[in-house]
Amino acid sequence: MIYRSTQNSRRELSNLAQTQGGYFTAKQAAAVGYDRRHLDYHAKAGNFERVERGLFRLPEIPTSEHDDLIRLSLWSRGRDDRPQAVISHETALGVHGLGELLPTRTHLIVPRSFRKKPPAGCVLHKSQLEPGDVEARDGFRVTKPLRTLLDVAERETVTQEQLNQIVKQALAEGIVRRTKLREAVEWQANDSRLARAISAVGQ
């Protein structure tokens, strides 16, 4: 079996996988020198774990705290092999450490053109996100706290009391700024749930 450079390819693949919770795609592997035959060989030898079609994992890399979110991000990749989904809503609250909700489903925002059927326990919200709405984590993207609060406020699955507490925490911990939150509420002409939450916190 001929490798472009076994040592260099392995190093590049490992460095990449480290940023994705140990995962890598077949296309990413090919870019550093592993073709389909190499992938098949290493999967059979136990060097790579075959997770699903076109997705593998390096077993020596510890599982990430957000392993499920990384996998969903990679599941959402398009034809260009780039993930399209962004962690959002109640799930994003958990990533940011806001509130004490225990959502039973994972929420993702995807482009309006997205056509894949969501896995069990996953909710897709089709929307257009601006670059400023999103931040990168290791292996996935998530809506920033401000955008997350705006999204959650639009849904009735979070009670007003819960929303009040989440906004209070976000402001107290400096996760969002009151001025930015007020500006966002005014810009969206949303004078209901989120506005009430801001008022409930007081000055």
Foldseek 3Di string as FASTA:
>chain_A
DDWPDVVQLVVQLQVLCLLLQFKDFQVVSVVSTAHPVNVVVCCVVVQWPDPDHRMIGGVVRDGDPPNVQLVQQQVQADPVSGGFKAFAAPRLCVVVVFFDDDDQATEIEGAPPRDDDDDPRYDYDHDDDDPQQWDDGRRHIYGQPLVRLVVNQVDVPQPLVRSLRRVLVCPVVVSDDLVVNVVVCVVVVPCPSSVVSSVVNPD
